Amino acid sequence: MKIEQCNRCLLYSHNPELLICAVHPTGVNTSSCPDFRQDQNFIEEEQWAPEGYSFYNGELIPNRPPRLTREEQWRRLNTHPMFTGVCPQCGHQFNLNNPPKIHWDCPVCSWVDDSV
């Protein structure tokens, strides 16, 4: 039986249909091979992932958004309508008694809240 180590092994035949390796032609019956020799020229194939996602321990997960610097946090607190109640572009007053649930897009000047 071929195991995960085989792909990175110097003894691997790279032909799993006919021969797994010279030492264990049909593979091993354990989860690791006692004759494993790391192939120093082996290049791990990168798995394709949709934009914004990465593989972690074989599982596809969304990437974390980048953290804001202190300066960016301060600017957002001082200009974002969620905190000020005012559109940073045109000065439109948002109704803070009935705030938007997600996006604070301005209905007057079309300023777009891209903070989420």
N, C-alpha and C. Protein backbone atom coordinates (compact mmCIF):
# COMPACT_ATOMS: atom_id res chain seq x y z
N MET A 1 0.84 -1.16 0.00
CA MET A 1 0.00 0.00 0.00
C MET A 1 0.90 1.25 0.00
N LYS A 2 0.58 2.21 -0.86
CA LYS A 2 1.34 3.46 -0.92
C LYS A 2 0.88 4.36 0.22
N ILE A 3 1.84 4.99 0.91
CA ILE A 3 1.53 5.90 2.00
C ILE A 3 1.99 7.31 1.63
N GLU A 4 1.65 8.30 2.46
CA GLU A 4 1.98 9.69 2.17
C GLU A 4 3.48 9.93 2.03
N GLN A 5 4.28 9.23 2.83
CA GLN A 5 5.74 9.38 2.75
C GLN A 5 6.30 9.03 1.39
N CYS A 6 5.68 8.14 0.68
CA CYS A 6 6.21 7.66 -0.60
C CYS A 6 6.53 8.80 -1.57
N ASN A 7 5.66 9.79 -1.66
CA ASN A 7 5.88 10.88 -2.61
C ASN A 7 7.17 11.65 -2.34
N ARG A 8 7.61 11.69 -1.09
CA ARG A 8 8.81 12.45 -0.71
C ARG A 8 10.05 11.56 -0.56
N CYS A 9 9.92 10.27 -0.85
CA CYS A 9 11.00 9.32 -0.62
C CYS A 9 11.93 9.19 -1.83
N LEU A 10 13.22 9.10 -1.56
CA LEU A 10 14.22 8.93 -2.60
C LEU A 10 14.04 7.60 -3.34
N LEU A 11 13.47 6.59 -2.69
CA LEU A 11 13.29 5.27 -3.29
C LEU A 11 11.98 5.12 -4.08
N TYR A 12 11.13 6.14 -4.05
CA TYR A 12 9.83 6.08 -4.72
C TYR A 12 10.01 5.96 -6.23
N SER A 13 9.25 5.11 -6.88
CA SER A 13 9.39 4.87 -8.32
C SER A 13 8.65 5.90 -9.17
N HIS A 14 7.75 6.70 -8.58
CA HIS A 14 6.92 7.66 -9.31
C HIS A 14 6.03 6.98 -10.34
N ASN A 15 5.74 5.72 -10.09
CA ASN A 15 4.86 4.95 -10.96
C ASN A 15 4.01 4.04 -10.06
N PRO A 16 3.02 4.60 -9.36
CA PRO A 16 2.29 3.82 -8.36
C PRO A 16 1.45 2.68 -8.92
N GLU A 17 1.17 2.68 -10.22
CA GLU A 17 0.36 1.58 -10.78
C GLU A 17 1.16 0.28 -10.87
N LEU A 18 2.45 0.38 -11.15
CA LEU A 18 3.25 -0.83 -11.37
C LEU A 18 4.15 -1.17 -10.19
N LEU A 19 4.84 -0.17 -9.66
CA LEU A 19 5.85 -0.43 -8.66
C LEU A 19 5.93 0.78 -7.73
N ILE A 20 5.77 0.57 -6.44
CA ILE A 20 5.83 1.69 -5.51
C ILE A 20 7.28 2.09 -5.27
N CYS A 21 8.12 1.14 -4.89
CA CYS A 21 9.55 1.42 -4.76
C CYS A 21 10.35 0.15 -4.91
N ALA A 22 11.67 0.29 -5.00
CA ALA A 22 12.54 -0.87 -5.19
C ALA A 22 12.59 -1.76 -3.93
N VAL A 23 12.48 -1.18 -2.77
CA VAL A 23 12.56 -1.94 -1.52
C VAL A 23 11.23 -2.60 -1.18
N HIS A 24 10.12 -1.86 -1.41
CA HIS A 24 8.78 -2.37 -1.12
C HIS A 24 7.92 -2.21 -2.39
N PRO A 25 8.03 -3.16 -3.32
CA PRO A 25 7.34 -3.02 -4.60
C PRO A 25 5.82 -2.83 -4.48
N THR A 26 5.21 -3.45 -3.50
CA THR A 26 3.76 -3.31 -3.32
C THR A 26 3.40 -2.36 -2.18
N GLY A 27 4.37 -1.70 -1.62
CA GLY A 27 4.13 -0.76 -0.54
C GLY A 27 4.30 -1.40 0.82
N VAL A 28 3.96 -0.66 1.85
CA VAL A 28 4.08 -1.16 3.22
C VAL A 28 2.69 -1.30 3.84
N ASN A 29 2.60 -2.09 4.90
CA ASN A 29 1.32 -2.31 5.58
C ASN A 29 1.22 -1.52 6.88
N THR A 30 2.05 -0.48 7.02
CA THR A 30 2.04 0.35 8.22
C THR A 30 1.85 1.81 7.82
N SER A 31 1.71 2.70 8.81
CA SER A 31 1.50 4.11 8.51
C SER A 31 2.80 4.84 8.19
N SER A 32 3.95 4.21 8.47
CA SER A 32 5.24 4.80 8.10
C SER A 32 6.16 3.71 7.57
N CYS A 33 7.16 4.13 6.82
CA CYS A 33 8.06 3.16 6.19
C CYS A 33 9.41 3.16 6.91
N PRO A 34 9.90 1.99 7.29
CA PRO A 34 11.19 1.92 7.98
C PRO A 34 12.36 2.25 7.07
N ASP A 35 12.16 2.20 5.76
CA ASP A 35 13.24 2.47 4.81
C ASP A 35 13.11 3.85 4.15
N PHE A 36 12.29 4.73 4.69
CA PHE A 36 12.08 6.06 4.12
C PHE A 36 13.38 6.86 4.09
N ARG A 37 13.69 7.43 2.92
CA ARG A 37 14.84 8.32 2.74
C ARG A 37 14.32 9.60 2.09
N GLN A 38 14.42 10.73 2.79
CA GLN A 38 13.92 12.00 2.27
C GLN A 38 14.64 12.36 0.97
N ASP A 39 13.86 12.61 -0.08
CA ASP A 39 14.40 13.07 -1.36
C ASP A 39 14.64 14.57 -1.25
N GLN A 40 15.91 14.99 -1.24
CA GLN A 40 16.26 16.40 -1.06
C GLN A 40 15.81 17.26 -2.23
N ASN A 41 15.52 16.66 -3.39
CA ASN A 41 15.08 17.41 -4.56
C ASN A 41 13.56 17.46 -4.70
N PHE A 42 12.85 16.87 -3.74
CA PHE A 42 11.39 16.84 -3.81
C PHE A 42 10.83 18.24 -3.60
N ILE A 43 9.93 18.65 -4.48
CA ILE A 43 9.25 19.93 -4.37
C ILE A 43 7.78 19.63 -4.16
N GLU A 44 7.28 20.05 -3.01
CA GLU A 44 5.86 19.81 -2.69
C GLU A 44 4.99 20.58 -3.66
N GLU A 45 4.01 19.92 -4.24
CA GLU A 45 3.07 20.58 -5.15
C GLU A 45 2.13 21.45 -4.35
N GLU A 46 1.98 22.67 -4.76
CA GLU A 46 1.08 23.58 -4.06
C GLU A 46 -0.35 23.27 -4.47
N GLN A 47 -1.24 23.18 -3.48
CA GLN A 47 -2.64 22.93 -3.77
C GLN A 47 -3.31 24.22 -4.20
N TRP A 48 -4.15 24.15 -5.22
CA TRP A 48 -4.88 25.32 -5.67
C TRP A 48 -5.96 25.64 -4.66
N ALA A 49 -6.13 26.93 -4.40
CA ALA A 49 -7.18 27.38 -3.49
C ALA A 49 -7.80 28.64 -4.07
N PRO A 50 -9.10 28.85 -3.89
CA PRO A 50 -9.72 30.08 -4.37
C PRO A 50 -9.13 31.29 -3.64
N GLU A 51 -9.21 32.44 -4.28
CA GLU A 51 -8.67 33.65 -3.69
C GLU A 51 -9.33 33.91 -2.34
N GLY A 52 -8.49 34.25 -1.36
CA GLY A 52 -9.00 34.51 -0.02
C GLY A 52 -9.05 33.29 0.88
N TYR A 53 -8.61 32.13 0.37
CA TYR A 53 -8.61 30.88 1.13
C TYR A 53 -7.25 30.22 1.04
N SER A 54 -6.90 29.42 2.03
CA SER A 54 -5.64 28.67 2.03
C SER A 54 -5.89 27.31 2.66
N PHE A 55 -4.98 26.37 2.37
CA PHE A 55 -5.05 25.06 3.00
C PHE A 55 -4.24 25.10 4.28
N TYR A 56 -4.80 24.59 5.37
CA TYR A 56 -4.11 24.47 6.64
C TYR A 56 -4.36 23.06 7.15
N ASN A 57 -3.29 22.28 7.29
CA ASN A 57 -3.42 20.86 7.68
C ASN A 57 -4.38 20.12 6.77
N GLY A 58 -4.34 20.42 5.47
CA GLY A 58 -5.18 19.73 4.51
C GLY A 58 -6.61 20.23 4.44
N GLU A 59 -6.95 21.26 5.22
CA GLU A 59 -8.32 21.78 5.23
C GLU A 59 -8.34 23.18 4.63
N LEU A 60 -9.32 23.44 3.76
CA LEU A 60 -9.47 24.74 3.12
C LEU A 60 -10.17 25.69 4.09
N ILE A 61 -9.49 26.79 4.45
CA ILE A 61 -10.06 27.75 5.39
C ILE A 61 -9.93 29.16 4.83
N PRO A 62 -10.82 30.08 5.24
CA PRO A 62 -10.70 31.46 4.78
C PRO A 62 -9.51 32.15 5.44
N ASN A 63 -8.83 33.01 4.68
CA ASN A 63 -7.71 33.78 5.23
C ASN A 63 -8.24 34.83 6.20
N ARG A 64 -7.47 35.13 7.20
CA ARG A 64 -7.83 36.19 8.13
C ARG A 64 -7.60 37.52 7.44
N PRO A 65 -8.48 38.48 7.69
CA PRO A 65 -8.23 39.80 7.12
C PRO A 65 -6.98 40.39 7.76
N PRO A 66 -6.24 41.22 7.04
CA PRO A 66 -5.04 41.81 7.64
C PRO A 66 -5.42 42.72 8.81
N ARG A 67 -4.59 42.74 9.80
CA ARG A 67 -4.83 43.59 10.97
C ARG A 67 -4.55 45.04 10.62
N LEU A 68 -5.35 45.93 11.16
CA LEU A 68 -5.16 47.35 10.93
C LEU A 68 -4.05 47.88 11.85
N THR A 69 -3.26 48.82 11.33
CA THR A 69 -2.27 49.48 12.17
C THR A 69 -3.00 50.41 13.14
N ARG A 70 -2.31 50.91 14.14
CA ARG A 70 -2.91 51.85 15.09
C ARG A 70 -3.41 53.09 14.35
N GLU A 71 -2.62 53.57 13.39
CA GLU A 71 -3.02 54.75 12.62
C GLU A 71 -4.30 54.50 11.82
N GLU A 72 -4.40 53.32 11.20
CA GLU A 72 -5.61 52.97 10.44
C GLU A 72 -6.82 52.83 11.37
N GLN A 73 -6.60 52.25 12.54
CA GLN A 73 -7.69 52.12 13.51
C GLN A 73 -8.17 53.51 13.95
N TRP A 74 -7.24 54.40 14.24
CA TRP A 74 -7.58 55.75 14.67
C TRP A 74 -8.35 56.50 13.58
N ARG A 75 -7.87 56.36 12.32
CA ARG A 75 -8.55 57.02 11.19
C ARG A 75 -9.97 56.49 11.03
N ARG A 76 -10.14 55.19 11.18
CA ARG A 76 -11.48 54.60 11.04
C ARG A 76 -12.40 55.08 12.15
N LEU A 77 -11.90 55.14 13.36
CA LEU A 77 -12.72 55.62 14.47
C LEU A 77 -13.14 57.08 14.28
N ASN A 78 -12.29 57.88 13.67
CA ASN A 78 -12.57 59.30 13.50
C ASN A 78 -13.35 59.64 12.24
N THR A 79 -13.46 58.69 11.29
CA THR A 79 -14.12 59.02 10.02
C THR A 79 -15.27 58.10 9.63
N HIS A 80 -15.34 56.91 10.18
CA HIS A 80 -16.37 55.96 9.73
C HIS A 80 -17.74 56.37 10.28
N PRO A 81 -18.78 56.33 9.42
CA PRO A 81 -20.12 56.71 9.85
C PRO A 81 -20.66 55.90 11.03
N MET A 82 -20.18 54.69 11.22
CA MET A 82 -20.65 53.88 12.34
C MET A 82 -20.32 54.59 13.67
N PHE A 83 -19.20 55.31 13.69
CA PHE A 83 -18.77 55.99 14.91
C PHE A 83 -19.15 57.48 14.93
N THR A 84 -19.19 58.09 13.73
CA THR A 84 -19.44 59.53 13.66
C THR A 84 -20.88 59.87 13.30
N GLY A 85 -21.57 58.95 12.61
CA GLY A 85 -22.92 59.22 12.14
C GLY A 85 -22.96 60.09 10.89
N VAL A 86 -21.78 60.36 10.29
CA VAL A 86 -21.67 61.27 9.15
C VAL A 86 -20.88 60.60 8.03
N CYS A 87 -21.34 60.78 6.78
CA CYS A 87 -20.61 60.28 5.62
C CYS A 87 -19.28 61.04 5.52
N PRO A 88 -18.16 60.33 5.40
CA PRO A 88 -16.87 61.01 5.35
C PRO A 88 -16.65 61.78 4.04
N GLN A 89 -17.47 61.51 3.04
CA GLN A 89 -17.28 62.16 1.74
C GLN A 89 -18.15 63.40 1.57
N CYS A 90 -19.44 63.30 1.91
CA CYS A 90 -20.34 64.43 1.64
C CYS A 90 -20.98 65.04 2.89
N GLY A 91 -20.81 64.39 4.04
CA GLY A 91 -21.37 64.94 5.26
C GLY A 91 -22.80 64.55 5.54
N HIS A 92 -23.37 63.64 4.74
CA HIS A 92 -24.75 63.16 4.97
C HIS A 92 -24.88 62.63 6.39
N GLN A 93 -25.94 62.99 7.08
CA GLN A 93 -26.21 62.53 8.44
C GLN A 93 -26.99 61.21 8.39
N PHE A 94 -26.43 60.15 8.95
CA PHE A 94 -27.12 58.87 9.04
C PHE A 94 -28.06 58.91 10.24
N ASN A 95 -29.16 58.18 10.14
CA ASN A 95 -30.11 58.07 11.24
C ASN A 95 -29.56 57.02 12.22
N LEU A 96 -28.98 57.48 13.31
CA LEU A 96 -28.37 56.56 14.28
C LEU A 96 -29.41 55.83 15.12
N ASN A 97 -30.68 56.24 15.04
CA ASN A 97 -31.74 55.50 15.72
C ASN A 97 -32.13 54.25 14.94
N ASN A 98 -31.82 54.24 13.65
CA ASN A 98 -32.10 53.10 12.78
C ASN A 98 -30.87 52.88 11.89
N PRO A 99 -29.73 52.46 12.46
CA PRO A 99 -28.49 52.34 11.69
C PRO A 99 -28.53 51.15 10.72
N PRO A 100 -27.71 51.22 9.66
CA PRO A 100 -27.62 50.07 8.74
C PRO A 100 -27.13 48.84 9.50
N LYS A 101 -27.56 47.66 9.06
CA LYS A 101 -27.18 46.43 9.76
C LYS A 101 -25.75 46.00 9.43
N ILE A 102 -25.32 46.23 8.17
CA ILE A 102 -23.99 45.77 7.77
C ILE A 102 -23.18 46.91 7.15
N HIS A 103 -23.56 47.34 5.96
CA HIS A 103 -22.79 48.35 5.22
C HIS A 103 -23.36 49.75 5.45
N TRP A 104 -22.48 50.70 5.59
CA TRP A 104 -22.86 52.10 5.81
C TRP A 104 -22.68 52.88 4.52
N ASP A 105 -23.13 52.34 3.39
CA ASP A 105 -23.01 53.02 2.10
C ASP A 105 -23.88 54.28 2.11
N CYS A 106 -23.33 55.39 1.56
CA CYS A 106 -24.05 56.67 1.59
C CYS A 106 -25.08 56.72 0.46
N PRO A 107 -26.35 57.01 0.78
CA PRO A 107 -27.40 57.10 -0.24
C PRO A 107 -27.33 58.41 -1.04
N VAL A 108 -26.54 59.37 -0.60
CA VAL A 108 -26.47 60.67 -1.28
C VAL A 108 -25.32 60.72 -2.30
N CYS A 109 -24.10 60.43 -1.86
CA CYS A 109 -22.94 60.57 -2.75
C CYS A 109 -22.40 59.24 -3.25
N SER A 110 -22.99 58.12 -2.85
CA SER A 110 -22.56 56.78 -3.24
C SER A 110 -21.22 56.37 -2.66
N TRP A 111 -20.80 57.00 -1.54
CA TRP A 111 -19.60 56.54 -0.83
C TRP A 111 -19.88 55.10 -0.40
N VAL A 112 -18.87 54.20 -0.56
CA VAL A 112 -19.07 52.78 -0.26
C VAL A 112 -18.25 52.39 0.96
N ASP A 113 -18.90 51.74 1.89
CA ASP A 113 -18.26 51.24 3.09
C ASP A 113 -17.58 49.92 2.73
N ASP A 114 -16.26 49.95 2.58
CA ASP A 114 -15.52 48.73 2.23
C ASP A 114 -14.75 48.18 3.43
N SER A 115 -15.18 48.53 4.63
CA SER A 115 -14.47 48.11 5.84
C SER A 115 -14.78 46.70 6.27
N VAL A 116 -15.80 46.07 5.72
CA VAL A 116 -16.18 44.72 6.15
C VAL A 116 -15.51 43.70 5.28
